Amino acid sequence: MGRVLGALVGASFFLWIAGTRALHPGEIGWLMRYDWPIHFFGWHFFRSEPWRWPPGLLGSYYAPIGTAIGFTDSIPLVAFALKPFSAWLPATFQYIGLWLCLCFTLQGAFGAWLMAQWTPRAWVQASGAAFFVLVPALLIRIGHPSLCAHWLLLWALVIAVRESRTPVRPFEWAALGAISGLVHPYLAVMVLALLAAVVVRPSSTGFSRKALGLGAAVTATVAGWWAAGLFSVSGAEAMATEGLGHYSMNLFSPVTHAGWSQFLPDLPRATAGQDFEGFQYIGLGGLLLLLVAVGVAVGGAGRRPAISADGRVWRGFGAALFVVALLMAVFALSPRMTAGASVVVDMSGPWAERFAVFRATGRFFWPLGYLLMAWALAIIATRLPSRVALTVLLSLVIVQTLDLHGAHEERRRGARDPDFYAWANPMVSPVWDRALPEYNHLVLYPPPQCGPSPIAWEAAAHRAGLHGLTLNAGGVARPDDAARLRYCHDLGEQVKGGHLEPRTFYIVPPSEVERIRQAAQPPAVCGVIDTVSVCVSAESYQRWRDLALLQ
């Protein structure tokens, strides 16, 4: 019952914020902002491609270089599950809205499941789950949907707490590893670190069985990464990106609200990246929760925790898990540690470049944040009478809600604004649907990765994906820069030399139309569809010349 109530808390909160329109699979206008286009269009192309090996490789998007579904953050777990049914799905189909709703629902359910390790009272479980749902670091992640799966961290904590009393279940560990590997690498690394802490803590379960569970989790995670195509780009230089130190956590981040609090004064940050990737504000209710738990624990109020009959096991479990979570929190600070607007320690240098694979270090505070919250909830749930615990938790949930109300209301209003779902699509003419099927490739000259593009790549991606054409544009988390530079050079030489491929449809800047027409051999025709300047070979144009006038 508690898990059902927790799930309802999570789902209700998300739907109150976002409404139901974003859940509609055909509604994509709202996805044409932030990083959402990358996530959507990765799936949009992947669904119509033949299976490759590994299965996550993606050749028609960001062509001819290609990428992988893991590098578009299109949630490979869902993409793999839906791809076999693509023919039965609508031509335009997005699952990001449903995924976000599922993440909040599971956040509540797993939060209640974690609470169930300490109390059988369903309403106490649901009240505790509300804290996990209302963590600001979760809601701010909706711009990066795959990273909203914080419930994976809660699942790892459930395993950690439960393992102190029950045998290790290697299959469950493997399932958690596989799912994490098919959702996002950052979350997978955090999950594996938490599971490793379970292995080293003292317990009645033999070390060999725990090691077996961890081995299964690691193997399944790596298999997930491989399937998603994350090993298709190799080498530290290719995997590392800029931003190490910029996207870090500040020492004051847990109390720095960056405009989210109604009551507390804000504190300065050292970098703009700390407003998002390093955003770890706990909320006034969460801060008070920690203070109350410390008071109860130090004061010895109520009864002894019922987490384990053996207090030494609980202390050992807590030490191992807290040490691992604390080490991740230290990494969250990055080699350039900051407090407020000041740099406390700067150890940046060539030695740290290998860590740029995980440049957004600020995210690594999440395990410690959830662990501290879980500890506080455990203290209150086990050392206070049930009615008192419920009263305390509900009161602090109200404080948390009031403190964050302004930020919540702002996002709620934005999600209900008709402009939020509007999309200025420059390719609306039915001519596109008749002409593009005559070609195999849609080329922007130049594409965004090579220079100023003639139109926004999202519109071209939508049309190309609908008709099974490749597209030489798109967003990629880890591009092959050497291949990109070669392609940009070769494309420029090809078009400037007038070598237009007969099975390729070109979208070009208006200023280049006349030069392309004059240089083209064999002859090319150019013109305007909607407001978009296009060029194609004169021979291919004959197949659809009655649809639009090109010269």
Protein backbone atom coordinates (compact mmCIF):
# COMPACT_ATOMS: atom_id res chain seq x y z
CA MET A 1 0.00 0.00 0.00
CA GLY A 2 2.80 2.40 0.87
CA ARG A 3 4.45 1.97 -2.52
CA VAL A 4 1.16 2.63 -4.28
CA LEU A 5 0.67 5.81 -2.26
CA GLY A 6 4.27 6.84 -3.00
CA ALA A 7 3.73 6.27 -6.71
CA LEU A 8 0.57 8.39 -6.58
CA VAL A 9 2.49 11.17 -4.84
CA GLY A 10 5.13 11.16 -7.58
CA ALA A 11 2.68 10.97 -10.48
CA SER A 12 0.39 13.62 -9.00
CA PHE A 13 3.25 16.04 -8.46
CA PHE A 14 4.50 15.65 -12.03
CA LEU A 15 1.04 16.02 -13.56
CA TRP A 16 0.36 19.08 -11.39
CA ILE A 17 3.54 20.65 -12.73
CA ALA A 18 3.45 19.53 -16.37
CA GLY A 19 -0.20 18.71 -17.10
CA THR A 20 -1.18 15.91 -19.45
CA ARG A 21 -0.50 17.48 -22.85
CA ALA A 22 3.19 16.56 -22.74
CA LEU A 23 2.20 12.91 -22.36
CA HIS A 24 0.62 12.81 -25.82
CA PRO A 25 2.95 10.84 -28.13
CA GLY A 26 2.21 13.11 -31.10
CA GLU A 27 2.95 16.36 -29.24
CA ILE A 28 6.51 17.36 -30.18
CA GLY A 29 6.38 21.16 -30.27
CA TRP A 30 7.48 21.41 -26.64
CA LEU A 31 10.50 19.23 -27.38
CA MET A 32 12.05 21.79 -29.74
CA ARG A 33 14.00 23.54 -26.97
CA TYR A 34 16.81 22.86 -24.49
CA ASP A 35 18.45 19.46 -25.14
CA TRP A 36 15.13 17.77 -25.86
CA PRO A 37 15.47 17.84 -29.68
CA ILE A 38 18.62 15.72 -29.44
CA HIS A 39 16.86 13.13 -27.29
CA PHE A 40 13.77 12.99 -29.48
CA PHE A 41 15.44 12.93 -32.88
CA GLY A 42 17.88 10.22 -31.84
CA TRP A 43 14.83 7.97 -31.41
CA HIS A 44 13.07 9.46 -34.45
CA PHE A 45 15.84 8.15 -36.72
CA PHE A 46 16.69 5.03 -34.74
CA ARG A 47 13.18 3.61 -34.99
CA SER A 48 13.29 3.26 -38.79
CA GLU A 49 16.86 2.02 -39.15
CA PRO A 50 17.72 -1.67 -39.54
CA TRP A 51 19.30 -3.24 -36.48
CA ARG A 52 23.05 -2.85 -36.36
CA TRP A 53 25.77 -4.41 -34.24
CA PRO A 54 25.99 -3.31 -31.52
CA PRO A 55 22.25 -2.60 -31.65
CA GLY A 56 22.55 1.02 -30.52
CA LEU A 57 24.52 2.25 -33.53
CA LEU A 58 22.80 5.00 -35.49
CA GLY A 59 23.88 5.72 -39.06
CA SER A 60 21.19 7.92 -40.60
CA TYR A 61 21.45 10.68 -37.96
CA TYR A 62 24.54 12.93 -37.99
CA ALA A 63 25.41 11.19 -41.27
CA PRO A 64 27.72 10.13 -42.74
CA ILE A 65 29.70 9.96 -39.49
CA GLY A 66 26.83 8.51 -37.49
CA THR A 67 26.59 8.09 -33.75
CA ALA A 68 24.81 5.83 -31.25
CA ILE A 69 21.50 5.98 -29.42
CA GLY A 70 23.47 6.24 -26.17
CA PHE A 71 25.13 9.46 -27.35
CA THR A 72 21.80 11.14 -28.10
CA ASP A 73 20.55 10.37 -24.57
CA SER A 74 17.38 8.97 -26.07
CA ILE A 75 16.99 6.52 -23.16
CA PRO A 76 18.21 3.36 -24.93
CA LEU A 77 16.14 1.19 -22.57
CA VAL A 78 12.91 2.61 -24.02
CA ALA A 79 14.21 2.96 -27.57
CA PHE A 80 15.16 -0.72 -27.70
CA ALA A 81 11.81 -1.76 -26.25
CA LEU A 82 9.78 0.26 -28.76
CA LYS A 83 11.82 -0.22 -31.93
CA PRO A 84 10.31 -3.65 -32.80
CA PHE A 85 6.86 -2.03 -32.72
CA SER A 86 7.80 1.06 -34.73
CA ALA A 87 5.65 0.08 -37.72
CA TRP A 88 2.54 0.11 -35.52
CA LEU A 89 3.35 3.43 -33.87
CA PRO A 90 2.34 6.81 -35.31
CA ALA A 91 4.86 8.37 -37.72
CA THR A 92 5.57 11.08 -35.15
CA PHE A 93 5.89 9.48 -31.74
CA GLN A 94 7.63 10.78 -28.64
CA TYR A 95 7.93 9.01 -25.30
CA ILE A 96 9.85 11.63 -23.37
CA GLY A 97 6.77 13.03 -21.63
CA LEU A 98 5.67 9.57 -20.55
CA TRP A 99 9.20 8.76 -19.39
CA LEU A 100 9.36 11.88 -17.22
CA CYS A 101 6.02 11.00 -15.63
CA LEU A 102 7.24 7.44 -15.05
CA CYS A 103 10.42 8.72 -13.38
CA PHE A 104 8.49 10.78 -10.86
CA THR A 105 6.07 7.91 -10.29
CA LEU A 106 8.90 5.47 -9.63
CA GLN A 107 10.69 8.04 -7.49
CA GLY A 108 7.69 8.00 -5.18
CA ALA A 109 7.31 4.23 -5.32
CA PHE A 110 10.97 3.48 -4.59
CA GLY A 111 11.03 6.19 -1.93
CA ALA A 112 8.13 4.45 -0.17
CA TRP A 113 9.84 1.08 -0.65
CA LEU A 114 12.94 2.47 1.02
CA MET A 115 10.82 3.80 3.89
CA ALA A 116 9.25 0.34 4.21
CA GLN A 117 12.61 -0.96 5.41
CA TRP A 118 12.04 1.01 8.63
CA THR A 119 8.29 1.27 9.12
CA PRO A 120 5.24 -0.79 8.14
CA ARG A 121 2.97 2.28 8.29
CA ALA A 122 1.80 3.09 4.75
CA TRP A 123 1.16 6.78 5.42
CA VAL A 124 4.56 7.24 7.02
CA GLN A 125 6.09 5.55 3.99
CA ALA A 126 4.20 7.88 1.64
CA SER A 127 5.17 10.94 3.66
CA GLY A 128 8.81 9.96 3.46
CA ALA A 129 8.44 9.29 -0.26
CA ALA A 130 7.21 12.86 -0.73
CA PHE A 131 10.64 14.16 0.30
CA PHE A 132 12.30 12.13 -2.44
CA VAL A 133 9.76 13.41 -4.98
CA LEU A 134 10.18 17.05 -3.90
CA VAL A 135 13.98 17.09 -4.10
CA PRO A 136 14.71 20.15 -6.30
CA ALA A 137 17.65 18.38 -7.95
CA LEU A 138 15.13 15.97 -9.51
CA LEU A 139 12.72 18.52 -10.93
CA ILE A 140 15.50 20.62 -12.41
CA ARG A 141 16.65 17.59 -14.40
CA ILE A 142 13.56 17.44 -16.62
CA GLY A 143 15.63 19.21 -19.26
CA HIS A 144 17.72 16.02 -19.43
CA PRO A 145 15.11 13.24 -19.17
CA SER A 146 17.41 10.24 -18.89
CA LEU A 147 18.99 11.82 -15.80
CA CYS A 148 15.58 12.01 -14.12
CA ALA A 149 15.87 8.32 -13.26
CA HIS A 150 16.95 9.06 -9.69
CA TRP A 151 14.80 6.12 -8.65
CA LEU A 152 17.73 3.93 -9.71
CA LEU A 153 19.74 5.41 -6.83
CA LEU A 154 16.85 4.75 -4.45
CA TRP A 155 16.67 1.17 -5.71
CA ALA A 156 20.37 0.76 -4.90
CA LEU A 157 19.73 2.12 -1.41
CA VAL A 158 16.84 -0.32 -0.94
CA ILE A 159 19.19 -3.17 -1.81
CA ALA A 160 21.83 -1.79 0.57
CA VAL A 161 19.47 -1.49 3.53
CA ARG A 162 17.64 -4.74 2.89
CA GLU A 163 20.87 -6.72 2.43
CA SER A 164 21.63 -6.22 6.11
CA ARG A 165 18.81 -8.67 6.84
CA THR A 166 18.27 -10.77 3.70
CA PRO A 167 20.54 -12.69 1.31
CA VAL A 168 21.97 -11.00 -1.77
CA ARG A 169 19.91 -11.50 -4.93
CA PRO A 170 22.42 -11.49 -7.84
CA PHE A 171 19.62 -11.42 -10.42
CA GLU A 172 18.23 -8.20 -8.94
CA TRP A 173 21.69 -6.65 -8.87
CA ALA A 174 22.15 -7.61 -12.53
CA ALA A 175 18.76 -6.15 -13.44
CA LEU A 176 19.60 -2.88 -11.71
CA GLY A 177 22.96 -2.78 -13.49
CA ALA A 178 21.46 -3.51 -16.91
CA ILE A 179 18.70 -0.92 -16.56
CA SER A 180 21.15 1.70 -15.29
CA GLY A 181 23.51 0.99 -18.18
CA LEU A 182 20.66 1.46 -20.64
CA VAL A 183 19.51 4.72 -19.09
CA HIS A 184 22.57 6.91 -18.44
CA PRO A 185 26.30 6.32 -17.69
CA TYR A 186 26.41 8.84 -14.82
CA LEU A 187 23.61 7.07 -12.95
CA ALA A 188 25.12 3.67 -13.71
CA VAL A 189 28.46 4.64 -12.17
CA MET A 190 26.73 5.95 -9.04
CA VAL A 191 24.67 2.78 -8.72
CA LEU A 192 27.72 0.55 -9.06
CA ALA A 193 29.57 2.58 -6.43
CA LEU A 194 26.70 2.16 -3.96
CA LEU A 195 26.55 -1.58 -4.64
CA ALA A 196 30.30 -1.83 -4.12
CA ALA A 197 29.80 -0.30 -0.67
CA VAL A 198 27.37 -3.11 0.13
CA VAL A 199 30.04 -5.66 -0.75
CA VAL A 200 32.64 -4.24 1.64
CA ARG A 201 30.34 -3.69 4.60
CA PRO A 202 30.21 -6.43 7.26
CA SER A 203 27.10 -8.59 7.20
CA SER A 204 25.89 -12.12 7.68
CA THR A 205 25.92 -12.66 3.91
CA GLY A 206 29.15 -14.21 2.69
CA PHE A 207 31.58 -12.02 0.79
CA SER A 208 31.62 -14.37 -2.19
CA ARG A 209 27.88 -14.06 -2.76
CA LYS A 210 28.03 -10.27 -2.51
CA ALA A 211 30.97 -10.24 -4.91
CA LEU A 212 28.91 -12.41 -7.25
CA GLY A 213 26.10 -9.86 -7.11
CA LEU A 214 28.46 -6.97 -7.82
CA GLY A 215 30.09 -8.89 -10.66
CA ALA A 216 26.67 -9.52 -12.17
CA ALA A 217 25.79 -5.82 -11.85
CA VAL A 218 29.05 -4.66 -13.44
CA THR A 219 28.76 -7.17 -16.27
CA ALA A 220 25.17 -6.18 -16.98
CA THR A 221 26.03 -2.47 -16.86
CA VAL A 222 28.91 -2.83 -19.30
CA ALA A 223 26.68 -4.93 -21.56
CA GLY A 224 24.12 -2.11 -21.48
CA TRP A 225 26.77 0.44 -22.40
CA TRP A 226 27.96 -1.74 -25.25
CA ALA A 227 24.43 -2.30 -26.55
CA ALA A 228 23.74 1.45 -26.43
CA GLY A 229 26.83 2.05 -28.55
CA LEU A 230 28.86 3.90 -25.95
CA PHE A 231 32.03 2.08 -26.97
CA SER A 232 31.71 3.19 -30.60
CA VAL A 233 33.81 6.23 -29.69
CA SER A 234 37.05 5.20 -28.06
CA GLY A 235 39.92 7.02 -26.39
CA ALA A 236 40.01 9.53 -23.57
CA GLU A 237 40.30 12.48 -25.98
CA ALA A 238 37.11 11.50 -27.80
CA MET A 239 35.13 10.78 -24.65
CA ALA A 240 36.31 13.81 -22.67
CA THR A 241 34.62 17.17 -23.23
CA GLU A 242 35.01 20.69 -21.97
CA GLY A 243 33.46 21.88 -18.73
CA LEU A 244 35.37 20.11 -15.95
CA GLY A 245 35.25 22.53 -13.02
CA HIS A 246 32.59 24.70 -14.64
CA TYR A 247 29.79 22.16 -14.08
CA SER A 248 30.85 21.44 -10.52
CA MET A 249 29.14 21.50 -7.17
CA ASN A 250 29.82 24.38 -4.80
CA LEU A 251 30.59 23.65 -1.14
CA PHE A 252 27.50 25.72 -0.31
CA SER A 253 25.28 24.09 -2.97
CA PRO A 254 23.00 22.23 -0.49
CA VAL A 255 21.90 25.60 0.94
CA THR A 256 22.25 27.68 -2.26
CA HIS A 257 18.80 27.81 -3.79
CA ALA A 258 19.51 29.80 -6.99
CA GLY A 259 16.07 31.39 -6.85
CA TRP A 260 14.14 28.31 -5.74
CA SER A 261 13.47 29.25 -2.10
CA GLN A 262 10.71 31.50 -0.87
CA PHE A 263 12.35 32.08 2.50
CA LEU A 264 16.12 31.68 2.49
CA PRO A 265 18.65 34.23 1.20
CA ASP A 266 20.52 33.16 -1.89
CA LEU A 267 24.27 32.66 -1.96
CA PRO A 268 26.68 33.48 -4.79
CA ARG A 269 28.09 30.81 -7.08
CA ALA A 270 31.52 30.60 -8.68
CA THR A 271 30.36 29.53 -12.18
CA ALA A 272 27.15 29.67 -14.19
CA GLY A 273 27.26 25.88 -14.47
CA GLN A 274 26.67 25.58 -10.74
CA ASP A 275 23.13 26.91 -11.23
CA PHE A 276 22.21 23.69 -13.04
CA GLU A 277 24.69 20.82 -13.01
CA GLY A 278 25.91 21.85 -9.57
CA PHE A 279 22.44 22.67 -8.23
CA GLN A 280 21.95 20.62 -5.06
CA TYR A 281 19.58 22.70 -2.96
CA ILE A 282 17.88 20.38 -0.48
CA GLY A 283 14.93 22.63 0.30
CA LEU A 284 14.02 24.24 3.62
CA GLY A 285 11.88 21.24 4.57
CA GLY A 286 14.75 18.91 3.75
CA LEU A 287 17.21 20.98 5.77
CA LEU A 288 14.86 20.98 8.75
CA LEU A 289 14.39 17.23 8.30
CA LEU A 290 18.13 16.73 8.74
CA LEU A 291 18.23 19.00 11.78
CA VAL A 292 15.30 17.23 13.44
CA ALA A 293 16.88 13.83 12.77
CA VAL A 294 20.19 14.96 14.25
CA GLY A 295 18.34 16.24 17.31
CA VAL A 296 16.46 12.98 17.74
CA ALA A 297 19.59 10.88 17.21
CA VAL A 298 21.76 12.91 19.58
CA GLY A 299 19.02 13.30 22.16
CA GLY A 300 18.28 9.58 22.17
CA ALA A 301 14.56 10.20 21.92
CA GLY A 302 12.15 7.38 21.28
CA ARG A 303 13.14 3.79 20.71
CA ARG A 304 16.22 2.20 19.25
CA PRO A 305 16.37 1.87 15.42
CA ALA A 306 14.89 -1.38 14.18
CA ILE A 307 17.03 -1.50 11.05
CA SER A 308 19.00 -4.41 12.40
CA ALA A 309 19.01 -6.40 15.58
CA ASP A 310 22.80 -6.03 15.55
CA GLY A 311 23.86 -2.42 16.02
CA ARG A 312 27.36 -3.16 14.85
CA VAL A 313 26.03 -4.34 11.49
CA TRP A 314 24.08 -1.07 11.10
CA ARG A 315 27.16 0.99 11.95
CA GLY A 316 29.31 -0.99 9.56
CA PHE A 317 26.73 -0.69 6.82
CA GLY A 318 26.39 3.03 7.40
CA ALA A 319 30.14 3.63 7.43
CA ALA A 320 30.80 1.86 4.14
CA LEU A 321 27.91 3.49 2.32
CA PHE A 322 28.60 6.94 3.69
CA VAL A 323 32.30 6.74 2.82
CA VAL A 324 31.56 5.81 -0.79
CA ALA A 325 28.85 8.47 -1.10
CA LEU A 326 31.15 11.03 0.49
CA LEU A 327 33.92 10.22 -1.99
CA MET A 328 31.47 10.81 -4.84
CA ALA A 329 30.48 14.10 -3.24
CA VAL A 330 34.14 15.14 -3.11
CA PHE A 331 34.41 14.34 -6.81
CA ALA A 332 31.33 16.50 -7.33
CA LEU A 333 33.39 19.48 -6.18
CA SER A 334 35.83 18.89 -9.09
CA PRO A 335 39.56 19.64 -8.98
CA ARG A 336 38.61 23.32 -8.79
CA MET A 337 36.79 23.46 -5.45
CA THR A 338 34.68 26.53 -4.77
CA ALA A 339 32.79 28.01 -1.84
CA GLY A 340 30.35 30.70 -2.81
CA ALA A 341 32.04 32.90 -5.39
CA SER A 342 35.54 31.99 -4.19
CA VAL A 343 37.93 29.29 -5.36
CA VAL A 344 39.13 27.37 -2.30
CA VAL A 345 41.50 24.91 -3.96
CA ASP A 346 42.49 24.68 -7.62
CA MET A 347 44.18 21.42 -8.53
CA SER A 348 43.33 21.66 -12.22
CA GLY A 349 45.95 20.39 -14.60
CA PRO A 350 46.76 17.76 -17.20
CA TRP A 351 46.38 15.02 -14.58
CA ALA A 352 42.69 15.84 -14.22
CA GLU A 353 41.83 15.72 -17.93
CA ARG A 354 40.99 12.02 -17.78
CA PHE A 355 38.11 12.90 -15.43
CA ALA A 356 36.58 15.13 -18.11
CA VAL A 357 34.71 12.02 -19.32
CA PHE A 358 32.42 12.92 -16.41
CA ARG A 359 32.75 16.68 -16.80
CA ALA A 360 29.46 17.47 -15.00
CA THR A 361 30.93 16.44 -11.67
CA GLY A 362 28.25 18.29 -9.70
CA ARG A 363 25.84 15.42 -10.32
CA PHE A 364 27.86 13.10 -8.10
CA PHE A 365 26.42 14.64 -4.95
CA TRP A 366 23.09 12.92 -5.60
CA PRO A 367 23.97 9.63 -3.80
CA LEU A 368 25.08 11.46 -0.64
CA GLY A 369 22.06 13.75 -0.78
CA TYR A 370 19.65 10.82 -0.96
CA LEU A 371 21.61 8.88 1.64
CA LEU A 372 21.44 11.76 4.12
CA MET A 373 17.72 12.09 3.49
CA ALA A 374 17.23 8.33 3.91
CA TRP A 375 19.17 8.40 7.17
CA ALA A 376 17.09 11.29 8.52
CA LEU A 377 13.84 9.57 7.55
CA ALA A 378 15.03 6.31 9.14
CA ILE A 379 15.80 8.07 12.43
CA ILE A 380 12.41 9.74 12.57
CA ALA A 381 10.49 6.63 11.46
CA THR A 382 12.17 4.32 13.97
CA ARG A 383 12.77 6.48 17.02
CA LEU A 384 9.46 8.32 17.20
CA PRO A 385 5.99 6.86 17.73
CA SER A 386 4.19 6.37 14.42
CA ARG A 387 1.71 9.20 14.93
CA VAL A 388 4.42 11.61 16.02
CA ALA A 389 6.63 10.58 13.10
CA LEU A 390 3.75 11.08 10.67
CA THR A 391 2.97 14.51 12.12
CA VAL A 392 6.61 15.59 11.92
CA LEU A 393 7.02 14.35 8.35
CA LEU A 394 3.78 15.90 7.09
CA SER A 395 4.68 19.22 8.73
CA LEU A 396 8.09 19.23 7.07
CA VAL A 397 6.58 18.24 3.71
CA ILE A 398 4.35 21.32 4.00
CA VAL A 399 7.39 23.48 4.76
CA GLN A 400 9.20 21.99 1.76
CA THR A 401 6.22 22.68 -0.48
CA LEU A 402 5.84 26.27 0.68
CA ASP A 403 9.55 26.94 0.30
CA LEU A 404 9.58 25.65 -3.29
CA HIS A 405 6.14 26.91 -4.28
CA GLY A 406 7.42 29.84 -6.33
CA ALA A 407 9.72 27.65 -8.42
CA HIS A 408 7.00 25.03 -8.84
CA GLU A 409 4.38 27.57 -9.84
CA GLU A 410 6.72 29.17 -12.37
CA ARG A 411 7.26 25.84 -14.08
CA ARG A 412 3.59 24.98 -13.87
CA ARG A 413 2.61 28.21 -15.62
CA GLY A 414 5.24 27.67 -18.28
CA ALA A 415 4.01 24.15 -19.02
CA ARG A 416 0.46 25.44 -19.54
CA ASP A 417 1.40 28.36 -21.78
CA PRO A 418 0.28 27.65 -25.38
CA ASP A 419 3.61 29.03 -26.57
CA PHE A 420 5.34 26.19 -24.75
CA TYR A 421 3.90 23.78 -27.32
CA ALA A 422 4.36 26.06 -30.33
CA TRP A 423 7.06 25.29 -32.89
CA ALA A 424 8.12 27.67 -35.64
CA ASN A 425 8.61 24.92 -38.20
CA PRO A 426 9.90 26.38 -41.50
CA MET A 427 9.08 23.17 -43.41
CA VAL A 428 5.28 22.90 -43.40
CA SER A 429 4.45 22.63 -47.09
CA PRO A 430 3.06 19.28 -48.32
CA VAL A 431 5.68 19.51 -51.08
CA TRP A 432 8.25 18.15 -48.65
CA ASP A 433 6.22 14.98 -48.13
CA ARG A 434 6.03 14.40 -51.90
CA ALA A 435 9.55 15.41 -52.88
CA LEU A 436 11.75 13.99 -50.15
CA PRO A 437 10.79 10.31 -50.71
CA GLU A 438 12.54 10.63 -54.09
CA TYR A 439 15.88 10.97 -52.30
CA ASN A 440 18.08 9.05 -49.90
CA HIS A 441 19.86 11.90 -48.16
CA LEU A 442 18.94 15.33 -46.84
CA VAL A 443 21.96 17.63 -46.53
CA LEU A 444 22.18 20.99 -44.85
CA TYR A 445 24.94 23.09 -46.35
CA PRO A 446 26.58 23.79 -44.05
CA PRO A 447 25.28 21.71 -41.14
CA PRO A 448 25.49 23.30 -37.66
CA GLN A 449 28.65 21.40 -36.75
CA CYS A 450 30.42 23.00 -39.73
CA GLY A 451 29.13 26.56 -39.66
CA PRO A 452 25.96 28.70 -39.68
CA SER A 453 23.20 26.44 -40.97
CA PRO A 454 20.63 27.73 -43.47
CA ILE A 455 17.76 26.59 -41.22
CA ALA A 456 17.32 25.09 -37.77
CA TRP A 457 18.34 21.45 -38.04
CA GLU A 458 15.32 20.26 -36.04
CA ALA A 459 12.88 20.94 -38.89
CA ALA A 460 15.07 19.05 -41.36
CA ALA A 461 15.47 16.19 -38.88
CA HIS A 462 11.71 15.81 -38.52
CA ARG A 463 11.14 15.59 -42.27
CA ALA A 464 14.14 13.35 -42.95
CA GLY A 465 13.18 10.93 -40.20
CA LEU A 466 9.59 10.71 -41.42
CA HIS A 467 10.69 9.66 -44.89
CA GLY A 468 13.72 7.52 -44.06
CA LEU A 469 16.39 9.89 -45.35
CA THR A 470 19.74 10.34 -43.70
CA LEU A 471 20.58 13.76 -42.28
CA ASN A 472 24.03 15.30 -41.92
CA ALA A 473 23.11 17.23 -38.77
CA GLY A 474 22.02 16.68 -35.19
CA GLY A 475 23.23 16.90 -31.63
CA VAL A 476 25.69 14.31 -30.31
CA ALA A 477 27.07 14.01 -26.78
CA ARG A 478 30.46 12.64 -27.83
CA PRO A 479 31.22 13.41 -31.49
CA ASP A 480 34.32 12.23 -33.32
CA ASP A 481 35.91 15.63 -33.90
CA ALA A 482 38.51 14.39 -36.36
CA ALA A 483 35.79 12.81 -38.51
CA ARG A 484 33.69 15.96 -38.18
CA LEU A 485 36.47 18.21 -39.44
CA ARG A 486 37.16 15.91 -42.39
CA TYR A 487 33.49 15.83 -43.33
CA CYS A 488 33.09 19.61 -43.10
CA HIS A 489 36.08 20.06 -45.41
CA ASP A 490 34.92 17.44 -47.91
CA LEU A 491 31.35 18.74 -48.03
CA GLY A 492 32.57 22.29 -48.64
CA GLU A 493 34.82 21.16 -51.48
CA GLN A 494 32.05 19.05 -52.99
CA VAL A 495 29.39 21.76 -53.03
CA LYS A 496 31.76 24.56 -54.04
CA GLY A 497 32.93 22.36 -56.90
CA GLY A 498 29.35 21.88 -58.07
CA HIS A 499 29.27 18.14 -57.40
CA LEU A 500 25.69 17.60 -56.24
CA GLU A 501 24.76 13.98 -55.66
CA PRO A 502 21.68 12.88 -57.66
CA ARG A 503 20.05 11.12 -54.66
CA THR A 504 20.67 13.99 -52.25
CA PHE A 505 18.37 16.90 -51.45
CA TYR A 506 20.31 20.03 -50.45
CA ILE A 507 19.12 22.87 -48.23
CA VAL A 508 21.41 25.85 -48.77
CA PRO A 509 21.75 29.53 -47.81
CA PRO A 510 19.98 31.91 -50.24
CA SER A 511 23.29 33.65 -50.88
CA GLU A 512 24.78 30.43 -52.25
CA VAL A 513 21.99 29.51 -54.67
CA GLU A 514 23.27 31.26 -57.78
CA ARG A 515 26.85 30.12 -57.31
CA ILE A 516 25.76 26.51 -56.81
CA ARG A 517 23.53 26.64 -59.87
CA GLN A 518 26.31 27.96 -62.09
CA ALA A 519 29.00 25.58 -60.80
CA ALA A 520 26.93 22.41 -60.81
CA GLN A 521 28.01 19.60 -63.12
CA PRO A 522 25.81 17.80 -64.03
CA PRO A 523 23.25 20.63 -64.01
CA ALA A 524 21.31 21.53 -60.86
CA VAL A 525 18.12 23.44 -60.22
CA CYS A 526 17.40 25.61 -57.20
CA GLY A 527 14.44 27.44 -55.73
CA VAL A 528 12.38 28.06 -52.61
CA ILE A 529 9.96 25.76 -50.79
CA ASP A 530 8.16 27.54 -47.98
CA THR A 531 10.95 29.99 -47.12
CA VAL A 532 13.73 27.45 -47.49
CA SER A 533 16.27 27.62 -50.34
CA VAL A 534 16.95 24.23 -51.91
CA CYS A 535 19.06 22.73 -54.70
CA VAL A 536 18.88 19.31 -56.35
CA SER A 537 20.23 17.72 -59.48
CA ALA A 538 18.20 18.64 -62.56
CA GLU A 539 17.71 14.97 -63.40
CA SER A 540 16.17 14.09 -60.02
CA TYR A 541 13.93 17.15 -60.15
CA GLN A 542 12.10 15.73 -63.15
CA ARG A 543 10.37 13.20 -60.89
CA TRP A 544 8.52 15.88 -58.92
CA ARG A 545 8.73 19.03 -61.05
CA ASP A 546 4.97 19.51 -60.97
CA LEU A 547 5.08 20.14 -57.20
CA ALA A 548 7.32 23.23 -57.05
CA LEU A 549 9.02 25.57 -59.49
CA LEU A 550 12.81 25.29 -59.41
CA GLN A 551 15.16 26.78 -61.98
